[in-house]
Protein backbone atom coordinates (compact mmCIF):
# COMPACT_ATOMS: atom_id res chain seq x y z
CA MET A 1 59.39 2.27 31.87
CA GLY A 2 55.70 3.08 31.85
CA GLU A 3 55.85 4.81 35.30
CA HIS A 4 56.36 8.42 36.43
CA ALA A 5 56.97 9.77 39.94
CA ARG A 6 54.82 12.61 41.18
CA ASP A 7 54.98 13.85 44.78
CA GLY A 8 56.98 10.80 45.60
CA ALA A 9 54.31 8.33 44.46
CA ALA A 10 54.49 6.02 41.51
CA ILE A 11 51.70 6.48 39.01
CA ARG A 12 51.10 3.74 36.49
CA ARG A 13 49.79 4.69 33.08
CA PRO A 14 46.87 2.64 31.89
CA ALA A 15 47.78 0.31 29.10
CA PRO A 16 46.59 1.52 25.67
CA ALA A 17 43.20 0.15 24.65
CA ARG A 18 43.48 -2.85 22.41
CA ARG A 19 41.50 -2.64 19.17
CA ALA A 20 39.23 -5.51 18.42
CA PRO A 21 40.33 -7.61 15.46
CA PRO A 22 38.70 -6.63 12.12
CA ARG A 23 36.27 -9.58 12.14
CA ALA A 24 35.02 -8.71 15.64
CA ARG A 25 34.53 -5.07 14.66
CA HIS A 26 32.61 -6.17 11.55
CA LEU A 27 30.32 -8.41 13.62
CA ARG A 28 29.69 -5.62 16.13
CA HIS A 29 28.81 -3.16 13.37
CA ARG A 30 26.52 -5.68 11.74
CA ARG A 31 24.70 -6.34 15.03
CA LEU A 32 24.25 -2.59 15.55
CA ALA A 33 22.86 -2.21 12.01
CA GLU A 34 20.46 -5.14 12.53
CA SER A 35 19.32 -3.63 15.83
CA ARG A 36 18.59 -0.30 14.12
CA ARG A 37 16.64 -2.06 11.36
CA ARG A 38 14.55 -3.94 13.93
CA ARG A 39 13.76 -0.72 15.79
CA ALA A 40 12.81 1.01 12.52
CA SER A 41 10.61 -1.94 11.56
CA ARG A 42 8.86 -1.89 14.95
CA SER A 43 8.32 1.85 14.60
CA ALA A 44 6.83 1.44 11.10
CA ARG A 45 4.55 -1.36 12.32
CA SER A 46 3.41 0.75 15.26
CA ALA A 47 2.52 3.60 12.91
CA HIS A 48 0.32 1.29 10.83
CA GLU A 49 -1.13 -0.55 13.81
CA ALA A 50 -2.31 2.80 15.17
CA ILE A 51 -4.88 2.81 12.34
CA VAL A 52 -6.70 -0.41 13.15
CA ASN A 53 -10.35 0.62 13.14
CA VAL A 54 -10.95 3.73 11.06
CA GLU A 55 -13.99 4.28 8.85
CA HIS A 56 -13.26 4.64 5.13
CA HIS A 57 -16.56 4.52 3.25
CA THR A 58 -15.24 4.49 -0.25
CA PHE A 59 -15.02 2.89 -3.68
CA SER A 60 -11.92 1.09 -4.92
CA ILE A 61 -10.49 -1.30 -7.46
CA VAL A 62 -7.72 -3.89 -7.11
CA GLY A 63 -6.24 -5.31 -10.30
CA ARG A 64 -3.55 -7.41 -11.92
CA CYS A 65 -1.85 -6.94 -15.28
CA ALA A 66 -1.47 -10.34 -16.92
CA ARG A 67 1.06 -8.92 -19.37
CA THR A 68 3.54 -7.39 -16.88
CA GLY A 69 2.72 -9.03 -13.54
CA ALA A 70 1.96 -5.65 -11.95
CA PHE A 71 -0.62 -5.19 -9.17
CA GLY A 72 -2.49 -2.00 -8.32
CA VAL A 73 -5.13 -0.31 -6.18
CA ALA A 74 -7.03 2.92 -6.84
CA VAL A 75 -9.40 4.39 -4.26
CA SER A 76 -11.38 7.54 -3.49
CA THR A 77 -13.58 8.72 -0.62
CA ALA A 78 -15.20 11.73 1.03
CA ARG A 79 -12.72 11.61 3.93
CA PRO A 80 -9.08 12.82 4.05
CA ALA A 81 -5.95 10.75 3.36
CA VAL A 82 -7.54 7.53 2.13
CA GLY A 83 -4.17 6.48 0.70
CA ALA A 84 -2.68 6.20 4.19
CA ALA A 85 -4.66 3.10 5.13
CA VAL A 86 -6.80 1.47 2.41
CA PRO A 87 -4.43 0.39 -0.44
CA TRP A 88 -1.77 -2.32 -0.04
CA VAL A 89 0.32 -3.78 -2.87
CA GLY A 90 3.34 -6.01 -3.34
CA PRO A 91 4.90 -8.39 -5.87
CA ASP A 92 2.36 -11.10 -4.99
CA GLY A 93 -0.90 -9.17 -4.96
CA ALA A 94 -3.01 -6.16 -4.04
CA ILE A 95 -5.49 -5.63 -1.19
CA ALA A 96 -7.93 -2.88 -0.24
CA THR A 97 -9.27 -2.77 3.33
CA GLN A 98 -12.16 -0.33 3.75
CA ALA A 99 -15.54 0.44 5.39
CA MET A 100 -14.23 -0.17 8.93
CA THR A 101 -10.59 -0.28 7.83
CA ASN A 102 -8.14 -2.60 9.55
CA THR A 103 -4.63 -1.93 8.27
CA SER A 104 -3.30 -5.17 9.73
CA ILE A 105 -5.44 -7.03 7.18
CA GLY A 106 -3.52 -5.31 4.39
CA ARG A 107 -0.12 -5.84 5.96
CA ASP A 108 -0.67 -9.43 7.11
CA GLY A 109 -2.51 -10.27 3.90
CA LEU A 110 0.53 -9.33 1.80
CA THR A 111 2.73 -11.42 4.11
CA ARG A 112 0.54 -14.45 3.51
CA LEU A 113 0.48 -13.86 -0.24
CA ALA A 114 4.29 -13.77 -0.21
CA ALA A 115 4.23 -17.17 1.49
CA GLY A 116 2.14 -18.57 -1.37
CA VAL A 117 -1.29 -18.53 0.30
CA PRO A 118 -4.10 -17.73 -2.21
CA VAL A 119 -5.71 -14.35 -1.65
CA GLY A 120 -9.14 -15.76 -0.83
CA GLN A 121 -7.74 -18.16 1.73
CA ALA A 122 -5.46 -15.50 3.22
CA LEU A 123 -8.15 -12.86 3.69
CA THR A 124 -10.78 -15.35 4.86
CA ALA A 125 -8.41 -16.51 7.60
CA LEU A 126 -7.69 -12.94 8.70
CA LEU A 127 -11.41 -12.15 8.93
CA ARG A 128 -12.48 -15.43 10.54
CA ASP A 129 -11.85 -14.40 14.16
CA ASP A 130 -12.51 -10.69 13.64
CA PRO A 131 -15.36 -9.67 15.98
CA ILE A 132 -16.44 -6.84 13.67
CA ARG A 133 -15.85 -8.53 10.33
CA GLU A 134 -19.41 -7.65 9.29
CA LYS A 135 -18.38 -3.98 9.36
CA ARG A 136 -15.40 -4.66 7.10
CA GLN A 137 -15.13 -4.55 3.33
CA VAL A 138 -12.00 -6.21 1.98
CA HIS A 139 -11.04 -7.32 -1.50
CA GLY A 140 -7.86 -8.49 -3.16
CA VAL A 141 -6.19 -10.08 -6.15
CA ASP A 142 -3.15 -12.31 -6.57
CA HIS A 143 -1.47 -14.09 -9.48
CA HIS A 144 -4.37 -16.52 -9.91
CA GLU A 145 -7.62 -15.23 -8.41
CA SER A 146 -9.70 -12.31 -7.13
CA TRP A 147 -11.68 -12.31 -3.90
CA ALA A 148 -13.97 -9.92 -1.99
CA HIS A 149 -15.95 -9.64 1.25
CA THR A 150 -18.65 -7.08 2.02
CA GLY A 151 -19.87 -7.34 5.61
CA SER A 152 -23.59 -7.34 6.31
CA ASP A 153 -23.22 -4.22 8.49
CA CYS A 154 -21.50 -2.10 5.81
CA LYS A 155 -23.46 1.06 5.03
CA PRO A 156 -25.61 1.06 1.86
CA TRP A 157 -25.33 1.18 -0.94
CA CYS A 158 -22.57 -1.40 -0.61
CA GLY A 159 -21.32 -4.35 -2.60
CA HIS A 160 -18.60 -5.77 -4.81
CA ARG A 161 -17.92 -7.40 -8.16
CA ILE A 162 -15.33 -10.13 -8.68
CA GLU A 163 -13.91 -10.45 -12.18
CA ASP A 164 -10.99 -12.24 -13.82
CA GLY A 165 -7.87 -10.37 -12.69
CA PHE A 166 -9.61 -7.64 -10.69
CA SER A 167 -12.40 -6.74 -8.30
CA VAL A 168 -14.30 -3.56 -7.49
CA ALA A 169 -15.96 -2.75 -4.17
CA GLY A 170 -17.62 0.15 -2.42
CA ASN A 171 -19.85 1.23 0.40
CA LEU A 172 -21.96 4.32 1.06
CA LEU A 173 -22.18 4.72 -2.73
CA THR A 174 -24.88 6.23 -4.90
CA GLY A 175 -25.57 2.74 -6.28
CA LEU A 176 -24.45 -0.36 -8.18
CA GLU A 177 -23.80 1.77 -11.27
CA VAL A 178 -20.56 3.01 -9.65
CA LEU A 179 -19.04 -0.48 -9.61
CA ASP A 180 -20.38 -1.38 -13.04
CA ALA A 181 -18.77 1.73 -14.55
CA MET A 182 -15.46 0.95 -12.84
CA ALA A 183 -15.42 -2.64 -14.07
CA THR A 184 -16.18 -1.61 -17.65
CA ALA A 185 -13.45 1.03 -17.65
CA PHE A 186 -10.78 -1.28 -16.22
CA ALA A 187 -11.52 -4.09 -18.68
CA ARG A 188 -11.62 -1.79 -21.72
CA ASP A 189 -7.91 -1.96 -22.64
CA PRO A 190 -5.96 -4.87 -21.10
CA ARG A 191 -2.79 -3.72 -22.92
CA ALA A 192 -2.65 -0.37 -21.13
CA GLU A 193 -0.22 0.18 -18.25
CA LEU A 194 -1.52 -0.81 -14.84
CA GLY A 195 -1.29 2.74 -13.61
CA GLU A 196 -3.65 4.02 -16.26
CA ARG A 197 -6.28 1.28 -15.95
CA PRO A 198 -7.26 1.62 -12.25
CA LEU A 199 -7.13 5.40 -12.54
CA SER A 200 -9.53 5.25 -15.50
CA ALA A 201 -11.78 2.98 -13.44
CA LEU A 202 -11.74 5.47 -10.57
CA GLU A 203 -12.70 8.29 -12.94
CA ALA A 204 -15.58 6.22 -14.31
CA GLY A 205 -16.80 5.41 -10.81
CA GLN A 206 -16.73 9.06 -9.81
CA ALA A 207 -18.60 10.06 -12.97
CA ALA A 208 -21.27 7.45 -12.17
CA GLY A 209 -21.89 8.93 -8.72
CA GLY A 210 -19.09 7.72 -6.45
CA ASP A 211 -19.32 8.30 -2.69
CA LYS A 212 -22.78 9.73 -2.01
CA ARG A 213 -21.40 12.06 0.70
CA GLY A 214 -19.10 13.86 -1.75
CA ARG A 215 -15.36 13.75 -2.44
CA GLN A 216 -12.14 14.61 -0.62
CA SER A 217 -9.20 12.24 -1.18
CA ALA A 218 -7.91 9.65 -3.64
CA ALA A 219 -4.88 7.42 -4.13
CA LEU A 220 -3.18 5.23 -6.72
CA LEU A 221 -0.71 2.58 -5.60
CA VAL A 222 0.89 0.11 -8.03
CA TRP A 223 3.63 -2.47 -7.66
CA SER A 224 5.37 -3.14 -10.97
CA PRO A 225 8.66 -4.74 -12.03
CA GLY A 226 9.87 -1.34 -13.27
CA VAL A 227 10.40 1.79 -11.20
CA ARG A 228 7.64 4.28 -12.00
CA PRO A 229 7.29 7.16 -9.51
CA HIS A 230 3.83 8.05 -10.79
CA ASP A 231 2.52 4.68 -9.62
CA ASN A 232 2.50 5.86 -5.99
CA LEU A 233 0.35 8.97 -5.76
CA ARG A 234 -1.91 10.44 -3.09
CA VAL A 235 -4.32 13.35 -2.98
CA ASP A 236 -5.12 13.75 0.71
CA ASP A 237 -7.46 16.76 0.68
CA HIS A 238 -8.91 18.29 -2.48
CA PRO A 239 -12.37 19.37 -3.71
CA ASN A 240 -11.95 17.14 -6.79
CA PRO A 241 -9.44 14.47 -5.75
CA VAL A 242 -9.83 12.07 -8.69
CA ALA A 243 -9.24 14.86 -11.21
CA GLU A 244 -6.24 16.01 -9.17
CA LEU A 245 -4.92 12.45 -9.11
CA ARG A 246 -5.15 12.38 -12.91
CA ARG A 247 -3.27 15.69 -13.12
CA LEU A 248 -0.48 14.35 -10.91
CA PHE A 249 -0.34 11.10 -12.86
CA THR A 250 0.01 12.95 -16.17
CA LEU A 251 2.60 15.30 -14.69
CA MET A 252 4.72 12.47 -13.28
CA ASP A 253 4.35 10.39 -16.44
CA THR A 254 5.68 13.28 -18.55
CA PHE A 255 8.49 13.97 -16.08
CA PHE A 256 9.47 10.29 -15.92
CA GLU A 257 9.59 9.89 -19.69
CA THR A 258 11.58 13.12 -20.14
CA SER A 259 14.07 12.11 -17.46
CA ARG A 260 14.44 8.63 -18.91
CA HIS A 261 15.39 9.98 -22.32
CA ARG A 262 17.90 12.40 -20.79
CA ARG A 263 19.85 9.74 -18.91
CA PRO A 264 23.46 9.50 -20.11
CA LYS A 265 24.35 6.37 -22.00
CA LEU A 266 26.90 4.24 -20.14
């Protein structure tokens, strides 16, 4: 049994492969899945780390909604794709890293906020050993405070305003009036959704002068307890990016509300 003769020689069949028990197969599959996730995470980090020192002379707002716990960033500049590097949000806060942008400040800042470190302490620590921190402009907000840094080597006009629940900051602007207009617009209606408020602030800043070089891109990024697709919008290259951002926001808001009412009742 199990042998056949061919040309006078005995040939032994290999024994059939034994299947691993179900638990072993499950563990192997889980290890493979974890390995894939780690590789994907490393790839995503590498993509962000590739944008470590990129100039984004811009104006932005970071804000918190006391009513819903949402956090948001809105930003515009006269360079393309500002939304790819400047705004960072999560369930524990919002950060904008601009002027000489360092994306690791946004990523690592959110990690520290998630660990319970206050935003001012978190961002101060990340800038402390940065050899070009005076070229950076960084501001953020968490559940309890707002914080901002404008380096002494940022290009004028540059500055920031820290308020209760939000901050505004900009560099290479037409003047202080840009930030004042943004702050007034954001504070006007605290009951409004935290997608509308930073977008209104961005519109006010643009109307007051904005980036003195012109305009090209804009972005709105909001973390909120609900799922709202119009809270993650980018205009990467447009002659009037803030107006285009408003158009997209209105379009997605209408689409979201229409889709929500059409959902079948379970």
